[in-house]
Each structure stands twice: as C-alpha cells, then as structure tokens.
Amino acid sequence: MGPLPQLYRLLIAGVVLVLSLAGGVWLAGWLALPLGGVGVGLGAGLLLAFVATHDFSDSSPRPTRVHRRR
C-alpha cells in the first residue's frame, strides 16, 4: 500500500482488526477454540493489520536535490 497518512493507516488497521475478530468468533462456532475465538481473531488481526499497513520496500534514504534560492 505504500506510505499512507496516519488516519488511513489507523482506519485500515481498525477495519482489519474488527473483521478478523468477527472471523475468529465465527470460526469458534466450527472449531473448539479457547475464549470463543477472540484470541485467534485478534492475533490474526494484528498480524494482518501490520502486513497491510507496513511498507516493506527498501527504506534506505534516497538522495535528493536541495534547491536553494539566491
């Protein structure tokens, strides 16, 4: 996704966490998961939110030109 403004990163992370939490609770209906799937959903949500908002490109600084006014 690249570098996003802080508000959009928080919005994406929140939506991913809520959907993962709901998915974990839904999965607990099929499998015997502890805490009703909340722990599994939050764990998966945290991992997915990190992957969705993290910039995995090379983070070395690029040389830039400095334009000075005279």
N, C-alpha and C. Protein backbone atom coordinates (compact mmCIF):
# COMPACT_ATOMS: atom_id res chain seq x y z
N MET A 1 0.81 -1.19 0.00
CA MET A 1 0.00 0.00 0.00
C MET A 1 0.85 1.25 0.00
N GLY A 2 2.07 1.13 0.38
CA GLY A 2 2.93 2.30 0.39
C GLY A 2 2.71 3.17 1.60
N PRO A 3 3.40 4.28 1.62
CA PRO A 3 3.24 5.17 2.78
C PRO A 3 1.87 5.84 2.76
N LEU A 4 1.13 5.66 3.82
CA LEU A 4 -0.20 6.25 3.94
C LEU A 4 -0.21 7.27 5.07
N PRO A 5 -1.11 8.23 5.00
CA PRO A 5 -1.27 9.14 6.13
C PRO A 5 -1.72 8.37 7.37
N GLN A 6 -1.44 8.92 8.52
CA GLN A 6 -1.72 8.25 9.80
C GLN A 6 -3.19 7.86 9.94
N LEU A 7 -4.10 8.74 9.54
CA LEU A 7 -5.53 8.45 9.67
C LEU A 7 -5.92 7.22 8.86
N TYR A 8 -5.43 7.10 7.65
CA TYR A 8 -5.78 5.96 6.81
C TYR A 8 -5.17 4.67 7.33
N ARG A 9 -3.95 4.75 7.86
CA ARG A 9 -3.36 3.55 8.45
C ARG A 9 -4.16 3.06 9.64
N LEU A 10 -4.60 3.99 10.49
CA LEU A 10 -5.42 3.61 11.64
C LEU A 10 -6.77 3.06 11.20
N LEU A 11 -7.36 3.66 10.18
CA LEU A 11 -8.64 3.18 9.68
C LEU A 11 -8.52 1.77 9.11
N ILE A 12 -7.51 1.53 8.32
CA ILE A 12 -7.30 0.20 7.74
C ILE A 12 -7.02 -0.82 8.84
N ALA A 13 -6.16 -0.46 9.80
CA ALA A 13 -5.85 -1.38 10.89
C ALA A 13 -7.09 -1.69 11.72
N GLY A 14 -7.93 -0.70 11.97
CA GLY A 14 -9.16 -0.93 12.73
C GLY A 14 -10.13 -1.84 12.01
N VAL A 15 -10.31 -1.62 10.72
CA VAL A 15 -11.22 -2.47 9.94
C VAL A 15 -10.71 -3.90 9.89
N VAL A 16 -9.41 -4.06 9.68
CA VAL A 16 -8.83 -5.41 9.65
C VAL A 16 -9.00 -6.11 10.99
N LEU A 17 -8.78 -5.39 12.09
CA LEU A 17 -8.94 -6.00 13.42
C LEU A 17 -10.38 -6.42 13.68
N VAL A 18 -11.34 -5.57 13.33
CA VAL A 18 -12.75 -5.91 13.55
C VAL A 18 -13.16 -7.11 12.70
N LEU A 19 -12.76 -7.12 11.44
CA LEU A 19 -13.12 -8.25 10.58
C LEU A 19 -12.45 -9.55 11.04
N SER A 20 -11.20 -9.45 11.48
CA SER A 20 -10.51 -10.65 11.97
C SER A 20 -11.13 -11.16 13.27
N LEU A 21 -11.52 -10.25 14.13
CA LEU A 21 -12.18 -10.64 15.37
C LEU A 21 -13.50 -11.35 15.06
N ALA A 22 -14.26 -10.80 14.14
CA ALA A 22 -15.52 -11.45 13.74
C ALA A 22 -15.25 -12.81 13.10
N GLY A 23 -14.20 -12.90 12.31
CA GLY A 23 -13.84 -14.18 11.71
C GLY A 23 -13.42 -15.21 12.74
N GLY A 24 -12.69 -14.77 13.77
CA GLY A 24 -12.29 -15.69 14.85
C GLY A 24 -13.48 -16.20 15.63
N VAL A 25 -14.44 -15.31 15.91
CA VAL A 25 -15.65 -15.74 16.62
C VAL A 25 -16.46 -16.68 15.75
N TRP A 26 -16.56 -16.40 14.45
CA TRP A 26 -17.28 -17.28 13.53
C TRP A 26 -16.59 -18.65 13.46
N LEU A 27 -15.26 -18.64 13.42
CA LEU A 27 -14.51 -19.89 13.35
C LEU A 27 -14.68 -20.71 14.63
N ALA A 28 -14.88 -20.03 15.76
CA ALA A 28 -15.09 -20.74 17.02
C ALA A 28 -16.39 -21.52 17.02
N GLY A 29 -17.33 -21.14 16.17
CA GLY A 29 -18.56 -21.91 16.04
C GLY A 29 -18.32 -23.26 15.39
N TRP A 30 -17.29 -23.36 14.58
CA TRP A 30 -16.98 -24.61 13.87
C TRP A 30 -15.96 -25.45 14.63
N LEU A 31 -15.01 -24.79 15.27
CA LEU A 31 -13.94 -25.49 15.98
C LEU A 31 -14.01 -25.15 17.47
N ALA A 32 -13.37 -25.96 18.27
CA ALA A 32 -13.34 -25.69 19.71
C ALA A 32 -12.14 -24.79 20.01
N LEU A 33 -12.35 -23.48 19.92
CA LEU A 33 -11.28 -22.52 20.18
C LEU A 33 -11.46 -21.90 21.57
N PRO A 34 -10.37 -21.65 22.26
CA PRO A 34 -10.49 -21.03 23.58
C PRO A 34 -10.97 -19.58 23.47
N LEU A 35 -11.68 -19.12 24.48
CA LEU A 35 -12.22 -17.75 24.56
C LEU A 35 -13.16 -17.42 23.41
N GLY A 36 -13.77 -18.40 22.85
CA GLY A 36 -14.73 -18.17 21.78
C GLY A 36 -14.12 -17.62 20.50
N GLY A 37 -12.84 -17.83 20.28
CA GLY A 37 -12.18 -17.38 19.06
C GLY A 37 -11.68 -15.96 19.10
N VAL A 38 -11.88 -15.27 20.22
CA VAL A 38 -11.44 -13.88 20.32
C VAL A 38 -9.92 -13.77 20.22
N GLY A 39 -9.22 -14.64 20.90
CA GLY A 39 -7.75 -14.60 20.87
C GLY A 39 -7.20 -14.90 19.49
N VAL A 40 -7.77 -15.88 18.82
CA VAL A 40 -7.33 -16.23 17.47
C VAL A 40 -7.63 -15.08 16.51
N GLY A 41 -8.81 -14.50 16.63
CA GLY A 41 -9.18 -13.40 15.75
C GLY A 41 -8.32 -12.17 15.96
N LEU A 42 -8.04 -11.82 17.21
CA LEU A 42 -7.19 -10.66 17.48
C LEU A 42 -5.75 -10.91 17.04
N GLY A 43 -5.26 -12.11 17.26
CA GLY A 43 -3.90 -12.43 16.82
C GLY A 43 -3.76 -12.34 15.31
N ALA A 44 -4.71 -12.92 14.61
CA ALA A 44 -4.68 -12.84 13.15
C ALA A 44 -4.88 -11.40 12.69
N GLY A 45 -5.74 -10.66 13.37
CA GLY A 45 -5.98 -9.28 13.00
C GLY A 45 -4.77 -8.40 13.19
N LEU A 46 -4.05 -8.59 14.28
CA LEU A 46 -2.83 -7.82 14.49
C LEU A 46 -1.79 -8.11 13.42
N LEU A 47 -1.64 -9.38 13.08
CA LEU A 47 -0.69 -9.76 12.04
C LEU A 47 -1.11 -9.18 10.69
N LEU A 48 -2.36 -9.32 10.34
CA LEU A 48 -2.84 -8.80 9.06
C LEU A 48 -2.80 -7.28 9.00
N ALA A 49 -3.11 -6.61 10.10
CA ALA A 49 -3.05 -5.15 10.12
C ALA A 49 -1.61 -4.67 9.93
N PHE A 50 -0.66 -5.36 10.54
CA PHE A 50 0.74 -4.99 10.36
C PHE A 50 1.16 -5.17 8.91
N VAL A 51 0.79 -6.30 8.32
CA VAL A 51 1.17 -6.56 6.93
C VAL A 51 0.49 -5.57 5.99
N ALA A 52 -0.76 -5.20 6.28
CA ALA A 52 -1.50 -4.30 5.39
C ALA A 52 -0.97 -2.87 5.45
N THR A 53 -0.43 -2.44 6.58
CA THR A 53 -0.01 -1.05 6.70
C THR A 53 1.49 -0.85 6.70
N HIS A 54 2.28 -1.91 6.71
CA HIS A 54 3.73 -1.78 6.75
C HIS A 54 4.28 -1.62 5.34
N ASP A 55 5.27 -0.77 5.20
CA ASP A 55 5.92 -0.57 3.92
C ASP A 55 7.16 -1.45 3.87
N PHE A 56 7.13 -2.51 3.06
CA PHE A 56 8.23 -3.46 3.01
C PHE A 56 9.29 -3.09 1.99
N SER A 57 9.17 -1.93 1.35
CA SER A 57 10.17 -1.54 0.37
C SER A 57 11.46 -1.15 1.08
N ASP A 58 12.50 -1.03 0.31
CA ASP A 58 13.81 -0.66 0.86
C ASP A 58 13.70 0.73 1.49
N SER A 59 14.00 0.82 2.76
CA SER A 59 13.80 2.08 3.48
C SER A 59 15.06 2.93 3.55
N SER A 60 16.05 2.64 2.71
CA SER A 60 17.24 3.47 2.72
C SER A 60 16.90 4.84 2.11
N PRO A 61 17.43 5.88 2.68
CA PRO A 61 17.08 7.21 2.17
C PRO A 61 17.61 7.43 0.76
N ARG A 62 16.79 8.04 -0.04
CA ARG A 62 17.19 8.34 -1.42
C ARG A 62 17.85 9.71 -1.47
N PRO A 63 18.86 9.85 -2.28
CA PRO A 63 19.47 11.17 -2.40
C PRO A 63 18.49 12.15 -3.05
N THR A 64 18.42 13.33 -2.52
CA THR A 64 17.54 14.35 -3.06
C THR A 64 18.34 15.60 -3.36
N ARG A 65 17.85 16.36 -4.28
CA ARG A 65 18.50 17.61 -4.61
C ARG A 65 17.94 18.70 -3.72
N VAL A 66 18.82 19.55 -3.29
CA VAL A 66 18.41 20.69 -2.49
C VAL A 66 18.48 21.93 -3.37
N HIS A 67 17.35 22.56 -3.57
CA HIS A 67 17.31 23.77 -4.38
C HIS A 67 17.34 24.96 -3.45
N ARG A 68 18.36 25.76 -3.58
CA ARG A 68 18.50 26.93 -2.73
C ARG A 68 18.18 28.18 -3.53
N ARG A 69 17.44 29.03 -2.91
CA ARG A 69 17.11 30.31 -3.56
C ARG A 69 18.24 31.29 -3.33
N ARG A 70 18.50 32.06 -4.34
CA ARG A 70 19.56 33.07 -4.20
C ARG A 70 18.98 34.44 -4.23
